[in-house]
Amino acid sequence: MAQSNYSALLGPVLAWIDSHREEALADLQRFCRQPSVAAQDMGMEEMAAIVSNALQDLNAQTSKIATAGYPIIIGHLPGHSQRRLLIYNHYDVQPPEPFEAWSSPPFAATVRDGCLYARGVADNKGTLVSRLWAVRAWQAIHKTLPCNLTFLVEGEEEIGSTNLGAFAAANQEIVKADACLWENGHRAADGALSLNAGAKGILYIELRTRGTAYDLHSSNAPIAPNAAWRLVEALHTLRNPAGRVQIEHFYDDVLPPNERERELLKRFPVDVAERWQSWGVAGTPSDPVAMTEQLLFEPTCTICGIWGGYTGAGSKTVLPATAGVKIDFRLVPDQDPDKILALLRQHLHKHGFDDVEIVELEGGEHPSQSPTDSALMESLIRSARLIYRQEPRVLPRTPGTGPMEQLCQRYGVQVASGAGVGYENSRVHSPNENIRVEDFYLGIKHVAALLADYSAT
């Protein structure tokens, strides 16, 4: 497909998308109305069937491959050019709780005030469906695609992609591609699409403490160990008030930004002030560029949840027998989650906390970084300019996590991300997760334009 034919071929495709908006939105609602919570084993087989059937409807060579957990759905589609683009998405979503914080039921897929509210609509069923409809549009107009595609849609991203690494290692003939379009993407507060080429890794653990065989009357505090205080004392050793992790050698493998990455940080700093305002955080950020570097290039130690003793209504004077905390460590290149886990064990031992139990809840994921000037990224940038009519914001990586390393980087496949349908207030992983309906339509058009551009370069 020659570059000179790009506009002529794409125009009718974009017009077809405009004329099928209602059908596309109804399809997205159908996806979102099926619960698919991997962490709770809710609706996963049904959701896998919906994805598989959707690919079959596009005449993809479709296979539903069993793993030790939930199946991986593969769909191969032929195209005009020799290039093959791997498209990665997932069909599982986060748990919807707390239900009372939702303005409408989390799986009702309610449209109001120009937004679609549903658990998983931004992360990432909206993005998946937009890509399926971009394919549908090209097929409807031209009967074929600009380039070869392989869809890989897994069901365990929200629980650490436990089985994806083994699948990729055993099935390179299935997932081999020239590049990979990753799953996420959103528009910044100024309307520009945010693009990136990497992700942080993660180590997710629980710390658990036990003081007595059962909860005691709190009057026994002078002579009985308190599991909650023991946990707090252990936590106090992990991080200082400035957020610096105190585990010895934790930062040894951290790579600083290179010259190209520093240029991007200066050109496209995160709008921290807008985020603070949205989050209800008081104050004015002092240096957005420095804070963007912290967000993307510094590892973290975050308390995700903590419990112990009585937390219900009214008073109950008890001395907790047990306590626990969920912690995630977001990791950056070249940190290794297994090494960080070993350092954590050494740290607790050194500080006299051998009695604190460490439980690894999910398999750790390595950080990943692809070049920010790859052929796929350049196509993402050009197609974003065309569809959104403004310059996209390119940053080295996202502060979130995904299995980029085990699926792509480990095998030399470069990744680019950002063709998504979320926005700054999508409330991913939170109640009232939503997307703007217009962003969904623009997302379909963006992927349609990307396919043509990538095939022509």
Protein backbone atom coordinates (compact mmCIF):
# COMPACT_ATOMS: atom_id res chain seq x y z
CA MET A 1 0.00 0.00 0.00
CA ALA A 2 1.76 3.14 -1.20
CA GLN A 3 1.77 6.26 0.94
CA SER A 4 0.18 8.21 -1.93
CA ASN A 5 -2.94 6.05 -1.60
CA TYR A 6 -3.19 6.62 2.13
CA SER A 7 -5.73 9.46 2.22
CA ALA A 8 -7.87 8.12 -0.61
CA LEU A 9 -8.18 4.70 1.01
CA LEU A 10 -8.71 5.98 4.54
CA GLY A 11 -11.38 8.58 3.80
CA PRO A 12 -14.20 6.14 3.05
CA VAL A 13 -13.22 4.07 6.09
CA LEU A 14 -13.60 7.08 8.39
CA ALA A 15 -16.93 7.93 6.78
CA TRP A 16 -18.16 4.36 7.38
CA ILE A 17 -17.20 4.68 11.06
CA ASP A 18 -19.27 7.88 11.32
CA SER A 19 -22.28 6.12 9.81
CA HIS A 20 -22.08 3.17 12.25
CA ARG A 21 -21.61 4.97 15.55
CA GLU A 22 -24.74 3.61 17.22
CA GLU A 23 -23.93 0.00 16.34
CA ALA A 24 -20.38 0.38 17.66
CA LEU A 25 -21.60 1.88 20.93
CA ALA A 26 -24.17 -0.89 21.38
CA ASP A 27 -21.42 -3.46 20.84
CA LEU A 28 -19.27 -1.81 23.50
CA GLN A 29 -22.20 -1.87 25.93
CA ARG A 30 -22.62 -5.58 25.23
CA PHE A 31 -18.97 -6.19 26.16
CA CYS A 32 -19.25 -4.09 29.31
CA ARG A 33 -22.47 -5.72 30.51
CA GLN A 34 -20.71 -9.06 30.83
CA PRO A 35 -18.84 -9.16 34.17
CA SER A 36 -15.31 -10.54 33.83
CA VAL A 37 -13.51 -10.20 37.16
CA ALA A 38 -10.54 -12.56 37.18
CA ALA A 39 -9.77 -11.91 40.84
CA GLN A 40 -13.24 -13.18 41.77
CA ASP A 41 -13.65 -15.83 39.02
CA MET A 42 -16.71 -13.96 37.79
CA GLY A 43 -17.95 -14.35 34.23
CA MET A 44 -14.58 -15.16 32.71
CA GLU A 45 -15.57 -18.03 30.40
CA GLU A 46 -18.56 -16.06 29.14
CA MET A 47 -16.36 -13.05 28.39
CA ALA A 48 -13.78 -15.18 26.62
CA ALA A 49 -16.56 -16.53 24.40
CA ILE A 50 -17.72 -13.00 23.54
CA VAL A 51 -14.18 -12.00 22.49
CA SER A 52 -13.69 -15.19 20.48
CA ASN A 53 -17.00 -14.77 18.69
CA ALA A 54 -16.21 -11.13 17.91
CA LEU A 55 -12.97 -12.14 16.20
CA GLN A 56 -14.71 -14.93 14.30
CA ASP A 57 -17.27 -12.40 13.08
CA LEU A 58 -14.33 -10.55 11.49
CA ASN A 59 -13.30 -13.79 9.75
CA ALA A 60 -10.18 -14.01 11.87
CA GLN A 61 -8.43 -17.34 12.20
CA THR A 62 -9.42 -17.65 15.84
CA SER A 63 -8.22 -19.94 18.60
CA LYS A 64 -9.06 -20.11 22.29
CA ILE A 65 -5.96 -21.46 23.99
CA ALA A 66 -6.22 -22.90 27.49
CA THR A 67 -3.72 -21.95 30.18
CA ALA A 68 -3.38 -22.92 33.82
CA GLY A 69 -5.75 -20.00 34.46
CA TYR A 70 -8.05 -18.27 32.00
CA PRO A 71 -7.84 -18.81 28.23
CA ILE A 72 -5.95 -16.59 25.82
CA ILE A 73 -7.83 -15.63 22.66
CA ILE A 74 -5.84 -15.37 19.42
CA GLY A 75 -7.13 -13.92 16.15
CA HIS A 76 -5.06 -13.79 12.94
CA LEU A 77 -6.14 -11.48 10.12
CA PRO A 78 -4.38 -11.16 6.75
CA GLY A 79 -3.47 -7.81 5.29
CA HIS A 80 -1.97 -6.12 2.25
CA SER A 81 1.57 -5.37 3.44
CA GLN A 82 4.19 -7.84 4.70
CA ARG A 83 4.19 -6.30 8.16
CA ARG A 84 2.46 -8.04 11.04
CA LEU A 85 1.20 -5.98 13.96
CA LEU A 86 0.48 -7.71 17.27
CA ILE A 87 -2.43 -6.09 19.14
CA TYR A 88 -2.47 -6.82 22.87
CA ASN A 89 -5.58 -6.39 25.03
CA HIS A 90 -7.21 -8.11 28.00
CA TYR A 91 -10.80 -9.08 28.74
CA ASP A 92 -10.61 -9.19 32.55
CA VAL A 93 -11.48 -6.18 34.69
CA GLN A 94 -10.91 -5.01 38.24
CA PRO A 95 -13.38 -5.91 41.02
CA PRO A 96 -16.18 -3.31 41.10
CA GLU A 97 -16.39 -2.83 44.88
CA PRO A 98 -17.44 -0.68 46.69
CA PHE A 99 -20.81 -0.92 44.96
CA GLU A 100 -22.33 1.92 46.98
CA ALA A 101 -19.84 4.39 45.47
CA TRP A 102 -21.19 3.84 41.94
CA SER A 103 -23.78 6.23 40.55
CA SER A 104 -25.15 3.42 38.39
CA PRO A 105 -24.57 -0.36 38.55
CA PRO A 106 -21.00 -1.19 37.45
CA PHE A 107 -22.09 -3.64 34.75
CA ALA A 108 -25.11 -1.71 33.47
CA ALA A 109 -23.04 0.20 30.88
CA THR A 110 -25.11 3.34 31.41
CA VAL A 111 -24.72 6.33 29.09
CA ARG A 112 -25.32 9.75 30.65
CA ASP A 113 -24.01 13.24 29.95
CA GLY A 114 -21.96 11.99 27.02
CA CYS A 115 -20.10 9.32 29.02
CA LEU A 116 -20.41 5.54 29.28
CA TYR A 117 -20.07 4.26 32.85
CA ALA A 118 -19.01 0.65 33.45
CA ARG A 119 -16.33 -1.35 35.17
CA GLY A 120 -13.67 -2.07 32.56
CA VAL A 121 -14.87 0.39 29.92
CA ALA A 122 -11.62 2.38 30.08
CA ASP A 123 -9.41 -0.53 31.20
CA ASN A 124 -9.78 -1.89 28.69
CA LYS A 125 -12.90 -3.06 26.91
CA GLY A 126 -13.42 0.30 25.23
CA THR A 127 -9.97 0.10 23.68
CA LEU A 128 -10.45 -3.53 22.61
CA VAL A 129 -13.81 -2.86 20.97
CA SER A 130 -12.49 0.26 19.22
CA ARG A 131 -9.78 -1.86 17.60
CA LEU A 132 -12.24 -4.54 16.54
CA TRP A 133 -14.42 -1.88 14.91
CA ALA A 134 -11.45 -0.33 13.11
CA VAL A 135 -10.88 -3.73 11.52
CA ARG A 136 -14.59 -4.02 10.72
CA ALA A 137 -14.51 -0.63 8.99
CA TRP A 138 -11.55 -1.52 6.76
CA GLN A 139 -13.14 -4.83 5.82
CA ALA A 140 -16.48 -3.19 5.04
CA ILE A 141 -14.90 -0.74 2.58
CA HIS A 142 -11.84 -2.52 1.18
CA LYS A 143 -12.52 -6.23 1.98
CA THR A 144 -9.02 -6.52 3.45
CA LEU A 145 -6.66 -4.81 5.91
CA PRO A 146 -3.63 -2.60 5.26
CA CYS A 147 -1.33 -4.97 7.20
CA ASN A 148 -1.40 -8.38 8.86
CA LEU A 149 -2.79 -8.41 12.41
CA THR A 150 -2.66 -10.76 15.34
CA PHE A 151 -4.99 -10.03 18.23
CA LEU A 152 -3.90 -11.46 21.57
CA VAL A 153 -6.52 -10.96 24.29
CA GLU A 154 -5.74 -12.45 27.70
CA GLY A 155 -7.86 -12.83 30.81
CA GLU A 156 -5.35 -12.32 33.61
CA GLU A 157 -3.86 -8.84 33.20
CA GLU A 158 -5.57 -7.53 36.32
CA ILE A 159 -4.14 -10.39 38.39
CA GLY A 160 -0.58 -10.18 37.13
CA SER A 161 -0.72 -12.05 33.77
CA THR A 162 0.35 -15.16 35.63
CA ASN A 163 0.33 -17.50 32.63
CA LEU A 164 1.19 -15.16 29.76
CA GLY A 165 4.96 -15.56 30.03
CA ALA A 166 4.82 -19.34 29.72
CA PHE A 167 2.35 -19.01 26.85
CA ALA A 168 4.61 -16.59 24.96
CA ALA A 169 7.68 -18.78 25.45
CA ALA A 170 5.87 -21.85 24.11
CA ASN A 171 4.05 -20.10 21.23
CA GLN A 172 6.46 -17.75 19.50
CA GLU A 173 5.18 -18.87 16.11
CA ILE A 174 1.75 -17.52 17.13
CA VAL A 175 2.74 -14.15 18.59
CA LYS A 176 5.74 -13.29 16.42
CA ALA A 177 5.30 -9.79 14.97
CA ASP A 178 7.17 -6.72 13.74
CA ALA A 179 5.79 -4.59 16.58
CA CYS A 180 3.08 -4.59 19.23
CA LEU A 181 0.31 -2.07 19.82
CA TRP A 182 -0.33 -2.11 23.57
CA GLU A 183 -3.66 -1.97 25.33
CA ASN A 184 -3.97 1.36 27.09
CA GLY A 185 -4.30 5.00 26.12
CA HIS A 186 -6.04 8.21 27.13
CA ARG A 187 -6.39 11.89 26.31
CA ALA A 188 -4.72 14.40 28.59
CA ALA A 189 -6.55 17.34 30.16
CA ASP A 190 -5.75 19.52 27.13
CA GLY A 191 -7.25 16.94 24.77
CA ALA A 192 -3.95 15.62 23.43
CA LEU A 193 -3.51 11.87 23.18
CA SER A 194 -0.83 10.47 25.50
CA LEU A 195 1.56 7.99 23.88
CA ASN A 196 4.33 5.93 25.48
CA ALA A 197 6.66 3.03 24.83
CA GLY A 198 7.09 1.30 28.17
CA ALA A 199 5.67 0.38 31.55
CA LYS A 200 6.79 -0.03 35.12
CA GLY A 201 7.08 -3.47 36.64
CA ILE A 202 5.47 -4.60 39.87
CA LEU A 203 5.94 -6.71 42.98
CA TYR A 204 2.67 -7.16 44.92
CA ILE A 205 2.82 -8.62 48.40
CA GLU A 206 1.06 -8.90 51.73
CA LEU A 207 2.74 -8.48 55.10
CA ARG A 208 0.95 -10.35 57.90
CA THR A 209 1.50 -10.26 61.65
CA ARG A 210 0.13 -12.29 64.56
CA GLY A 211 0.44 -11.42 68.24
CA THR A 212 -2.01 -13.66 70.11
CA ALA A 213 -4.19 -16.67 69.38
CA TYR A 214 -7.32 -14.51 69.28
CA ASP A 215 -8.44 -10.91 69.83
CA LEU A 216 -8.14 -9.83 73.46
CA HIS A 217 -9.79 -7.24 75.66
CA SER A 218 -7.68 -4.11 75.12
CA SER A 219 -6.97 -3.85 78.86
CA ASN A 220 -4.41 -6.62 78.30
CA ALA A 221 -2.20 -4.26 76.28
CA PRO A 222 0.53 -3.96 78.94
CA ILE A 223 1.26 -7.69 78.86
CA ALA A 224 0.13 -8.87 75.39
CA PRO A 225 1.67 -8.25 71.94
CA ASN A 226 -0.44 -6.17 69.54
CA ALA A 227 -0.35 -7.40 65.93
CA ALA A 228 -1.40 -4.02 64.54
CA TRP A 229 1.40 -2.13 66.30
CA ARG A 230 3.88 -4.78 65.19
CA LEU A 231 2.79 -4.26 61.60
CA VAL A 232 3.04 -0.47 61.88
CA GLU A 233 6.55 -0.76 63.31
CA ALA A 234 7.63 -2.94 60.38
CA LEU A 235 6.06 -0.55 57.86
CA HIS A 236 7.87 2.39 59.44
CA THR A 237 11.20 0.89 58.34
CA LEU A 238 10.24 0.62 54.66
CA ARG A 239 9.84 4.26 53.62
CA ASN A 240 10.81 7.70 54.89
CA PRO A 241 8.38 10.67 54.99
CA ALA A 242 9.71 11.95 51.66
CA GLY A 243 8.73 8.68 49.96
CA ARG A 244 12.25 7.28 49.66
CA VAL A 245 12.30 3.50 50.04
CA GLN A 246 14.65 2.48 52.85
CA ILE A 247 15.38 -1.09 51.73
CA GLU A 248 19.13 -1.45 51.29
CA HIS A 249 20.23 -1.73 47.62
CA PHE A 250 16.65 -1.05 46.44
CA TYR A 251 17.84 1.62 43.97
CA ASP A 252 21.00 -0.10 42.75
CA ASP A 253 19.58 -1.10 39.34
CA VAL A 254 17.51 2.01 38.60
CA LEU A 255 18.35 3.59 35.23
CA PRO A 256 18.10 7.41 34.92
CA PRO A 257 16.47 9.02 31.87
CA ASN A 258 18.64 9.23 28.77
CA GLU A 259 18.99 12.44 26.74
CA ARG A 260 16.02 11.68 24.46
CA GLU A 261 13.83 10.81 27.44
CA ARG A 262 14.77 14.00 29.28
CA GLU A 263 13.79 16.02 26.21
CA LEU A 264 10.37 14.35 26.21
CA LEU A 265 9.91 15.00 29.94
CA LYS A 266 10.60 18.71 29.38
CA ARG A 267 8.38 18.91 26.31
CA PHE A 268 5.42 16.98 27.69
CA PRO A 269 5.31 17.25 31.49
CA VAL A 270 2.29 15.76 33.20
CA ASP A 271 -0.31 18.34 34.21
CA VAL A 272 0.12 17.67 37.91
CA ALA A 273 -1.92 20.73 38.92
CA GLU A 274 -4.96 19.47 37.00
CA ARG A 275 -4.62 16.00 38.52
CA TRP A 276 -4.33 17.43 42.03
CA GLN A 277 -7.45 19.47 41.46
CA SER A 278 -9.34 16.43 40.17
CA TRP A 279 -8.15 14.35 43.13
CA GLY A 280 -9.03 17.02 45.68
CA VAL A 281 -5.38 17.58 46.67
CA ALA A 282 -4.57 21.04 48.00
CA GLY A 283 -1.49 23.03 46.96
CA THR A 284 0.42 24.00 43.84
CA PRO A 285 3.03 21.67 42.28
CA SER A 286 6.49 23.21 42.43
CA ASP A 287 8.14 21.64 39.37
CA PRO A 288 5.96 19.62 36.95
CA VAL A 289 8.97 18.39 34.96
CA ALA A 290 10.70 17.02 38.06
CA MET A 291 7.43 15.49 39.23
CA THR A 292 6.91 13.85 35.82
CA GLU A 293 10.37 12.32 36.12
CA GLN A 294 9.47 11.05 39.59
CA LEU A 295 6.22 9.59 38.30
CA LEU A 296 7.84 7.70 35.44
CA PHE A 297 11.41 6.98 36.55
CA GLU A 298 11.26 6.41 40.30
CA PRO A 299 10.20 3.11 41.87
CA THR A 300 7.61 3.19 44.64
CA CYS A 301 6.44 1.39 47.77
CA THR A 302 2.69 1.91 48.19
CA ILE A 303 0.25 0.74 50.86
CA CYS A 304 -2.82 -0.44 48.92
CA GLY A 305 -4.87 -1.60 51.89
CA ILE A 306 -4.39 -2.21 55.63
CA TRP A 307 -6.45 -3.97 58.28
CA GLY A 308 -6.46 -5.30 61.84
CA GLY A 309 -8.77 -5.36 64.83
CA TYR A 310 -12.26 -3.88 64.83
CA THR A 311 -13.20 -1.24 62.23
CA GLY A 312 -17.01 -1.40 62.32
CA ALA A 313 -19.48 1.12 63.63
CA GLY A 314 -19.17 2.30 67.22
CA SER A 315 -16.53 1.15 69.68
CA LYS A 316 -15.17 -2.26 70.47
CA THR A 317 -12.11 -2.23 72.72
CA VAL A 318 -10.01 -5.10 71.42
CA LEU A 319 -6.34 -5.88 71.07
CA PRO A 320 -5.92 -7.29 67.53
CA ALA A 321 -4.55 -10.81 67.22
CA THR A 322 -3.71 -10.36 63.54
CA ALA A 323 -3.04 -7.53 61.12
CA GLY A 324 -2.08 -7.24 57.49
CA VAL A 325 -1.24 -4.86 54.69
CA LYS A 326 -1.19 -5.08 50.89
CA ILE A 327 1.79 -3.35 49.29
CA ASP A 328 2.80 -2.84 45.69
CA PHE A 329 6.31 -1.93 44.60
CA ARG A 330 6.24 -0.27 41.17
CA LEU A 331 9.58 -0.99 39.53
CA VAL A 332 11.57 0.71 36.77
CA PRO A 333 14.28 -0.53 34.40
CA ASP A 334 16.44 -2.47 35.31
CA GLN A 335 14.91 -3.60 38.60
CA ASP A 336 13.99 -7.28 38.98
CA PRO A 337 10.91 -8.18 41.08
CA ASP A 338 12.53 -11.39 42.35
CA LYS A 339 15.59 -9.45 43.51
CA ILE A 340 13.42 -6.82 45.20
CA LEU A 341 11.51 -9.56 47.05
CA ALA A 342 14.80 -11.02 48.29
CA LEU A 343 15.96 -7.56 49.41
CA LEU A 344 12.70 -7.08 51.31
CA ARG A 345 13.21 -10.35 53.16
CA GLN A 346 16.76 -9.33 54.06
CA HIS A 347 15.56 -5.93 55.21
CA LEU A 348 12.92 -7.30 57.59
CA HIS A 349 15.40 -9.83 58.96
CA LYS A 350 18.03 -7.12 59.53
CA HIS A 351 15.52 -4.98 61.45
CA GLY A 352 14.29 -7.83 63.66
CA PHE A 353 11.01 -8.60 61.90
CA ASP A 354 11.49 -12.27 61.09
CA ASP A 355 8.02 -12.87 62.57
CA VAL A 356 6.39 -10.74 59.84
CA GLU A 357 5.10 -13.07 57.14
CA ILE A 358 5.63 -12.08 53.49
CA VAL A 359 3.12 -13.45 50.99
CA GLU A 360 3.62 -12.82 47.27
CA LEU A 361 0.08 -12.41 45.90
CA GLU A 362 0.80 -12.27 42.18
CA GLY A 363 3.72 -13.13 40.00
CA GLY A 364 6.02 -10.13 39.72
CA GLU A 365 6.28 -8.33 36.40
CA HIS A 366 9.46 -6.83 35.00
CA PRO A 367 9.58 -3.22 33.78
CA SER A 368 9.79 -2.71 30.03
CA GLN A 369 11.07 0.04 27.76
CA SER A 370 11.02 0.28 23.96
CA PRO A 371 12.46 3.13 21.87
CA THR A 372 10.25 6.21 21.66
CA ASP A 373 11.13 6.70 18.00
CA SER A 374 10.23 3.26 16.61
CA ALA A 375 8.36 2.89 13.31
CA LEU A 376 5.14 2.05 15.18
CA MET A 377 5.47 5.05 17.48
CA GLU A 378 6.02 7.36 14.53
CA SER A 379 2.87 5.94 12.90
CA LEU A 380 0.96 6.44 16.15
CA ILE A 381 2.08 10.08 16.22
CA ARG A 382 1.15 10.81 12.60
CA SER A 383 -2.24 9.10 12.83
CA ALA A 384 -2.99 10.88 16.12
CA ARG A 385 -2.27 14.25 14.50
CA LEU A 386 -4.67 13.40 11.69
CA ILE A 387 -7.57 12.25 13.88
CA TYR A 388 -7.26 14.48 16.95
CA ARG A 389 -6.01 17.58 15.10
CA GLN A 390 -3.32 18.29 17.68
CA GLU A 391 0.14 17.09 18.63
CA PRO A 392 0.12 13.98 20.85
CA ARG A 393 2.07 13.93 24.12
CA VAL A 394 4.89 11.38 23.93
CA LEU A 395 6.47 10.12 27.15
CA PRO A 396 8.88 7.22 27.65
CA ARG A 397 6.54 5.03 29.69
CA THR A 398 3.40 4.81 31.73
CA PRO A 399 3.57 4.71 35.54
CA GLY A 400 1.26 1.68 35.41
CA THR A 401 2.21 -1.94 34.81
CA GLY A 402 1.58 -4.56 32.17
CA PRO A 403 3.24 -7.71 30.82
CA MET A 404 5.19 -5.94 28.07
CA GLU A 405 8.49 -7.50 29.02
CA GLN A 406 7.38 -11.12 29.08
CA LEU A 407 5.33 -10.89 25.88
CA CYS A 408 7.42 -8.52 23.77
CA GLN A 409 10.70 -7.08 25.04
CA ARG A 410 12.07 -10.49 25.99
CA TYR A 411 11.80 -11.47 22.30
CA GLY A 412 12.94 -8.21 20.71
CA VAL A 413 9.46 -6.96 19.76
CA GLN A 414 9.14 -3.19 20.15
CA VAL A 415 6.01 -1.83 21.83
CA ALA A 416 4.09 1.42 21.47
CA SER A 417 1.02 2.37 23.43
CA GLY A 418 -1.59 5.10 23.40
CA ALA A 419 -4.32 4.20 20.90
CA GLY A 420 -6.94 4.12 23.64
CA VAL A 421 -10.27 5.69 24.54
CA GLY A 422 -9.81 6.91 28.13
CA TYR A 423 -9.32 10.44 29.45
CA GLU A 424 -8.00 12.10 32.59
CA ASN A 425 -11.18 11.50 34.57
CA SER A 426 -11.84 7.91 33.47
CA ARG A 427 -11.40 6.76 37.09
CA VAL A 428 -9.65 3.54 36.12
CA HIS A 429 -9.80 0.93 38.94
CA SER A 430 -12.22 3.18 40.84
CA PRO A 431 -16.00 3.47 41.15
CA ASN A 432 -17.71 5.29 38.27
CA GLU A 433 -15.11 4.21 35.72
CA ASN A 434 -16.09 5.86 32.46
CA ILE A 435 -15.11 7.06 29.00
CA ARG A 436 -16.47 9.88 26.90
CA VAL A 437 -18.50 8.39 24.05
CA GLU A 438 -16.92 10.75 21.53
CA ASP A 439 -13.46 9.51 22.54
CA PHE A 440 -14.60 5.97 21.72
CA TYR A 441 -15.49 6.99 18.17
CA LEU A 442 -12.22 8.90 17.77
CA GLY A 443 -10.37 5.82 19.06
CA ILE A 444 -11.88 3.69 16.28
CA LYS A 445 -10.79 6.25 13.71
CA HIS A 446 -7.31 6.52 15.20
CA VAL A 447 -6.68 2.77 14.92
CA ALA A 448 -8.09 2.74 11.39
CA ALA A 449 -5.66 5.50 10.43
CA LEU A 450 -2.79 3.81 12.26
CA LEU A 451 -3.22 0.59 10.28
CA ALA A 452 -2.92 2.43 6.99
CA ASP A 453 0.05 4.53 8.09
CA TYR A 454 1.99 1.63 9.60
CA SER A 455 1.52 -0.48 6.48
CA ALA A 456 2.87 2.30 4.28
CA THR A 457 6.10 3.09 6.18
